[in-house]
Amino acid sequence: MEKKQPNQGKQPSQKGEKKTFSSDKPKPTTPRMESKPPSGPKGK
């Protein structure tokens, strides 16, 4: 049971790392969306 306790503490740590990946995904999408609006008026 004592071995399971330290394992549970590692699980939440991995979840935090996954959250960082999610933040990296929306980051590249933000600059891409900003490039779309300027491209719209330029194409006009």
N, C-alpha and C. Protein backbone atom coordinates (compact mmCIF):
# COMPACT_ATOMS: atom_id res chain seq x y z
N MET A 1 0.86 -1.20 0.00
CA MET A 1 0.00 0.00 0.00
C MET A 1 0.90 1.26 0.00
N GLU A 2 2.02 1.13 0.71
CA GLU A 2 2.92 2.32 0.78
C GLU A 2 3.50 2.59 -0.63
N LYS A 3 3.63 1.53 -1.39
CA LYS A 3 4.22 1.71 -2.75
C LYS A 3 3.18 2.39 -3.66
N LYS A 4 1.92 2.18 -3.34
CA LYS A 4 0.87 2.77 -4.20
C LYS A 4 0.79 4.29 -3.94
N GLN A 5 1.11 4.68 -2.72
CA GLN A 5 0.98 6.13 -2.38
C GLN A 5 1.93 6.97 -3.24
N PRO A 6 3.19 6.57 -3.35
CA PRO A 6 4.14 7.36 -4.15
C PRO A 6 3.75 7.31 -5.63
N ASN A 7 3.13 6.22 -6.03
CA ASN A 7 2.72 6.09 -7.45
C ASN A 7 1.60 7.10 -7.75
N GLN A 8 0.71 7.26 -6.76
CA GLN A 8 -0.43 8.19 -6.99
C GLN A 8 0.11 9.62 -7.14
N GLY A 9 1.17 9.92 -6.41
CA GLY A 9 1.73 11.29 -6.48
C GLY A 9 2.35 11.51 -7.86
N LYS A 10 2.80 10.44 -8.48
CA LYS A 10 3.42 10.59 -9.82
C LYS A 10 2.32 10.78 -10.88
N GLN A 11 1.17 10.21 -10.63
CA GLN A 11 0.09 10.32 -11.65
C GLN A 11 -0.31 11.79 -11.89
N PRO A 12 -0.50 12.55 -10.83
CA PRO A 12 -0.92 13.96 -10.98
C PRO A 12 0.20 14.76 -11.65
N SER A 13 1.42 14.32 -11.45
CA SER A 13 2.57 15.04 -12.04
C SER A 13 2.52 14.86 -13.57
N GLN A 14 2.15 13.67 -14.00
CA GLN A 14 2.10 13.40 -15.46
C GLN A 14 0.94 14.20 -16.08
N LYS A 15 -0.14 14.35 -15.31
CA LYS A 15 -1.31 15.09 -15.84
C LYS A 15 -0.89 16.55 -16.10
N GLY A 16 -0.05 17.06 -15.22
CA GLY A 16 0.39 18.46 -15.36
C GLY A 16 1.24 18.59 -16.63
N GLU A 17 1.99 17.55 -16.93
CA GLU A 17 2.85 17.60 -18.14
C GLU A 17 1.96 17.57 -19.39
N LYS A 18 0.85 16.86 -19.29
CA LYS A 18 -0.05 16.77 -20.45
C LYS A 18 -0.70 18.15 -20.68
N LYS A 19 -0.93 18.85 -19.58
CA LYS A 19 -1.58 20.18 -19.69
C LYS A 19 -0.62 21.13 -20.43
N THR A 20 0.65 20.92 -20.22
CA THR A 20 1.65 21.81 -20.88
C THR A 20 1.59 21.56 -22.39
N PHE A 21 1.37 20.31 -22.76
CA PHE A 21 1.31 19.99 -24.20
C PHE A 21 0.08 20.66 -24.82
N SER A 22 -1.00 20.68 -24.04
CA SER A 22 -2.25 21.29 -24.56
C SER A 22 -2.02 22.78 -24.78
N SER A 23 -1.21 23.37 -23.91
CA SER A 23 -0.95 24.83 -24.00
C SER A 23 -0.08 25.09 -25.24
N ASP A 24 0.76 24.12 -25.56
CA ASP A 24 1.65 24.29 -26.73
C ASP A 24 0.81 24.18 -28.02
N LYS A 25 -0.25 23.42 -27.96
CA LYS A 25 -1.07 23.22 -29.18
C LYS A 25 -1.84 24.53 -29.52
N PRO A 26 -2.48 25.11 -28.53
CA PRO A 26 -3.26 26.34 -28.79
C PRO A 26 -2.33 27.51 -29.12
N LYS A 27 -1.10 27.43 -28.67
CA LYS A 27 -0.15 28.56 -28.91
C LYS A 27 0.12 28.70 -30.42
N PRO A 28 0.45 27.61 -31.11
CA PRO A 28 0.74 27.70 -32.56
C PRO A 28 -0.53 28.06 -33.33
N THR A 29 -1.67 27.72 -32.77
CA THR A 29 -2.95 28.03 -33.48
C THR A 29 -3.25 29.53 -33.36
N THR A 30 -2.83 30.14 -32.27
CA THR A 30 -3.12 31.59 -32.08
C THR A 30 -2.39 32.42 -33.14
N PRO A 31 -1.10 32.16 -33.33
CA PRO A 31 -0.36 32.93 -34.34
C PRO A 31 -0.88 32.63 -35.73
N ARG A 32 -1.40 31.48 -35.93
CA ARG A 32 -1.89 31.08 -37.27
C ARG A 32 -3.20 31.86 -37.52
N MET A 33 -4.02 31.99 -36.51
CA MET A 33 -5.31 32.71 -36.69
C MET A 33 -5.01 34.20 -36.97
N GLU A 34 -3.99 34.70 -36.30
CA GLU A 34 -3.65 36.14 -36.48
C GLU A 34 -3.14 36.36 -37.91
N SER A 35 -2.52 35.35 -38.46
CA SER A 35 -1.97 35.48 -39.83
C SER A 35 -3.14 35.41 -40.83
N LYS A 36 -4.23 34.82 -40.42
CA LYS A 36 -5.39 34.66 -41.35
C LYS A 36 -6.08 36.02 -41.58
N PRO A 37 -6.35 36.77 -40.54
CA PRO A 37 -7.07 38.06 -40.69
C PRO A 37 -6.28 39.02 -41.59
N PRO A 38 -4.97 39.14 -41.41
CA PRO A 38 -4.18 40.06 -42.24
C PRO A 38 -4.15 39.54 -43.69
N SER A 39 -4.24 38.25 -43.85
CA SER A 39 -4.19 37.67 -45.21
C SER A 39 -5.52 37.96 -45.92
N GLY A 40 -6.60 38.03 -45.16
CA GLY A 40 -7.94 38.29 -45.76
C GLY A 40 -7.98 39.66 -46.43
N PRO A 41 -7.67 40.70 -45.70
CA PRO A 41 -7.74 42.07 -46.25
C PRO A 41 -6.69 42.25 -47.35
N LYS A 42 -5.59 41.55 -47.22
CA LYS A 42 -4.51 41.70 -48.24
C LYS A 42 -4.99 41.08 -49.57
N GLY A 43 -5.71 39.97 -49.45
CA GLY A 43 -6.19 39.27 -50.67
C GLY A 43 -7.27 40.13 -51.34
N LYS A 44 -7.96 40.93 -50.53
CA LYS A 44 -9.06 41.76 -51.07
C LYS A 44 -8.43 42.77 -52.03
